[in-house]
């Protein structure tokens, strides 16, 4: 089964960010924008990985 590089990269980053940030996000004294920072990182990495694909891979 072929998994596109974009999807594979996105899944690995989501997994790693989730493991490292569960406690960081759920702190009650934390800033309200913390979950949005992680979402922004995920979107940025996915856009960067998708940008490098050739038109033949789509």
N, C-alpha and C. Protein backbone atom coordinates (compact mmCIF):
# COMPACT_ATOMS: atom_id res chain seq x y z
N UNK A 1 0.85 -1.18 0.00
CA UNK A 1 0.00 0.00 0.00
C UNK A 1 0.89 1.24 0.00
N UNK A 2 0.59 2.18 -0.85
CA UNK A 2 1.36 3.41 -0.98
C UNK A 2 0.76 4.50 -0.10
N UNK A 3 1.58 5.08 0.75
CA UNK A 3 1.15 6.21 1.58
C UNK A 3 1.91 7.44 1.10
N UNK A 4 1.21 8.47 0.67
CA UNK A 4 1.91 9.68 0.20
C UNK A 4 2.79 10.28 1.29
N UNK A 5 3.87 10.88 0.86
CA UNK A 5 4.83 11.46 1.79
C UNK A 5 4.20 12.55 2.65
N UNK A 6 3.28 13.32 2.09
CA UNK A 6 2.61 14.37 2.85
C UNK A 6 1.82 13.80 4.01
N UNK A 7 1.06 12.76 3.75
CA UNK A 7 0.24 12.15 4.80
C UNK A 7 1.11 11.50 5.86
N UNK A 8 2.14 10.81 5.44
CA UNK A 8 3.03 10.16 6.39
C UNK A 8 3.72 11.19 7.29
N UNK A 9 4.21 12.27 6.71
CA UNK A 9 4.85 13.32 7.50
C UNK A 9 3.86 13.95 8.48
N UNK A 10 2.67 14.21 8.01
CA UNK A 10 1.64 14.80 8.87
C UNK A 10 1.29 13.88 10.03
N UNK A 11 1.14 12.60 9.78
CA UNK A 11 0.81 11.66 10.85
C UNK A 11 1.92 11.55 11.89
N UNK A 12 3.16 11.54 11.44
CA UNK A 12 4.28 11.47 12.38
C UNK A 12 4.35 12.72 13.24
N UNK A 13 4.16 13.87 12.64
CA UNK A 13 4.23 15.12 13.41
C UNK A 13 3.07 15.23 14.38
N UNK A 14 1.88 14.83 13.97
CA UNK A 14 0.73 14.86 14.88
C UNK A 14 0.98 13.94 16.07
N UNK A 15 1.50 12.77 15.81
CA UNK A 15 1.79 11.81 16.87
C UNK A 15 2.82 12.36 17.85
N UNK A 16 3.91 12.90 17.34
CA UNK A 16 4.96 13.43 18.21
C UNK A 16 4.49 14.66 18.99
N UNK A 17 3.76 15.55 18.34
CA UNK A 17 3.25 16.72 19.05
C UNK A 17 2.24 16.34 20.12
N UNK A 18 1.44 15.33 19.84
CA UNK A 18 0.46 14.91 20.83
C UNK A 18 1.16 14.35 22.07
N UNK A 19 2.17 13.53 21.86
CA UNK A 19 2.88 12.95 23.00
C UNK A 19 3.59 14.01 23.84
N UNK A 20 4.17 15.00 23.18
CA UNK A 20 4.94 16.00 23.90
C UNK A 20 4.09 17.10 24.53
N UNK A 21 2.86 17.26 24.08
CA UNK A 21 2.12 18.45 24.51
C UNK A 21 0.82 18.19 25.25
N UNK A 22 0.53 16.98 25.62
CA UNK A 22 -0.73 16.71 26.31
C UNK A 22 -0.81 17.48 27.63
N UNK A 23 0.22 17.39 28.43
CA UNK A 23 0.22 18.12 29.70
C UNK A 23 0.33 19.63 29.49
N UNK A 24 1.08 20.03 28.49
CA UNK A 24 1.28 21.45 28.21
C UNK A 24 -0.04 22.13 27.82
N UNK A 25 -0.86 21.45 27.03
CA UNK A 25 -2.13 22.03 26.59
C UNK A 25 -3.14 22.09 27.73
N UNK A 26 -3.17 21.06 28.57
CA UNK A 26 -4.21 20.93 29.59
C UNK A 26 -3.93 21.66 30.89
N UNK A 27 -2.88 22.44 30.96
CA UNK A 27 -2.62 23.20 32.18
C UNK A 27 -3.67 24.30 32.32
N UNK A 28 -4.33 24.36 33.47
CA UNK A 28 -5.38 25.37 33.64
C UNK A 28 -4.85 26.80 33.66
N UNK A 29 -3.60 26.99 34.06
CA UNK A 29 -3.05 28.34 34.13
C UNK A 29 -2.41 28.76 32.81
N UNK A 30 -2.52 27.93 31.80
CA UNK A 30 -1.88 28.21 30.52
C UNK A 30 -2.65 29.23 29.70
N UNK A 31 -2.04 29.67 28.63
CA UNK A 31 -2.66 30.63 27.73
C UNK A 31 -3.74 29.97 26.89
N UNK A 32 -4.71 30.75 26.46
CA UNK A 32 -5.83 30.21 25.70
C UNK A 32 -5.42 29.80 24.30
N UNK A 33 -4.31 30.34 23.79
CA UNK A 33 -3.93 30.10 22.40
C UNK A 33 -3.00 28.90 22.22
N UNK A 34 -2.67 28.19 23.26
CA UNK A 34 -1.76 27.04 23.14
C UNK A 34 -2.23 25.98 22.15
N UNK A 35 -3.47 25.54 22.21
CA UNK A 35 -3.90 24.53 21.21
C UNK A 35 -3.83 25.04 19.78
N UNK A 36 -4.04 26.35 19.61
CA UNK A 36 -3.99 26.92 18.28
C UNK A 36 -2.56 26.97 17.73
N UNK A 37 -1.58 27.11 18.60
CA UNK A 37 -0.19 27.08 18.16
C UNK A 37 0.18 25.71 17.59
N UNK A 38 -0.27 24.68 18.25
CA UNK A 38 0.00 23.32 17.76
C UNK A 38 -0.71 23.08 16.43
N UNK A 39 -1.94 23.54 16.32
CA UNK A 39 -2.65 23.42 15.05
C UNK A 39 -1.96 24.17 13.93
N UNK A 40 -1.43 25.34 14.24
CA UNK A 40 -0.70 26.12 13.24
C UNK A 40 0.57 25.40 12.78
N UNK A 41 1.26 24.77 13.71
CA UNK A 41 2.46 24.01 13.35
C UNK A 41 2.09 22.84 12.43
N UNK A 42 1.03 22.14 12.74
CA UNK A 42 0.59 21.01 11.92
C UNK A 42 0.22 21.47 10.51
N UNK A 43 -0.52 22.55 10.41
CA UNK A 43 -0.93 23.07 9.10
C UNK A 43 0.27 23.54 8.30
N UNK A 44 1.21 24.20 8.97
CA UNK A 44 2.41 24.70 8.29
C UNK A 44 3.25 23.56 7.74
N UNK A 45 3.45 22.52 8.53
CA UNK A 45 4.25 21.39 8.07
C UNK A 45 3.56 20.65 6.93
N UNK A 46 2.25 20.50 7.02
CA UNK A 46 1.51 19.82 5.94
C UNK A 46 1.59 20.63 4.64
N UNK A 47 1.48 21.95 4.74
CA UNK A 47 1.57 22.79 3.55
C UNK A 47 2.97 22.73 2.95
N UNK A 48 3.98 22.71 3.80
CA UNK A 48 5.36 22.62 3.32
C UNK A 48 5.62 21.29 2.63
N UNK A 49 5.12 20.20 3.21
CA UNK A 49 5.32 18.88 2.61
C UNK A 49 4.54 18.75 1.30
N UNK A 50 3.38 19.34 1.22
CA UNK A 50 2.57 19.25 0.01
C UNK A 50 3.16 20.11 -1.11
N UNK A 51 3.83 21.17 -0.77
CA UNK A 51 4.41 22.09 -1.74
C UNK A 51 5.49 21.42 -2.58
N UNK A 52 6.21 20.47 -2.02
CA UNK A 52 7.33 19.85 -2.71
C UNK A 52 6.93 18.72 -3.66
N UNK A 53 5.67 18.35 -3.71
CA UNK A 53 5.26 17.27 -4.59
C UNK A 53 5.19 17.74 -6.04
N UNK A 54 5.53 16.83 -6.94
CA UNK A 54 5.37 17.11 -8.35
C UNK A 54 3.90 17.01 -8.73
N UNK A 55 3.52 17.58 -9.83
CA UNK A 55 2.14 17.51 -10.26
C UNK A 55 1.75 16.09 -10.66
N UNK A 56 2.73 15.24 -10.98
CA UNK A 56 2.44 13.86 -11.33
C UNK A 56 2.04 13.03 -10.11
N UNK A 57 2.43 13.45 -8.92
CA UNK A 57 2.13 12.69 -7.72
C UNK A 57 0.71 12.93 -7.22
N UNK A 58 0.06 13.98 -7.68
CA UNK A 58 -1.26 14.32 -7.18
C UNK A 58 -2.29 13.40 -7.68
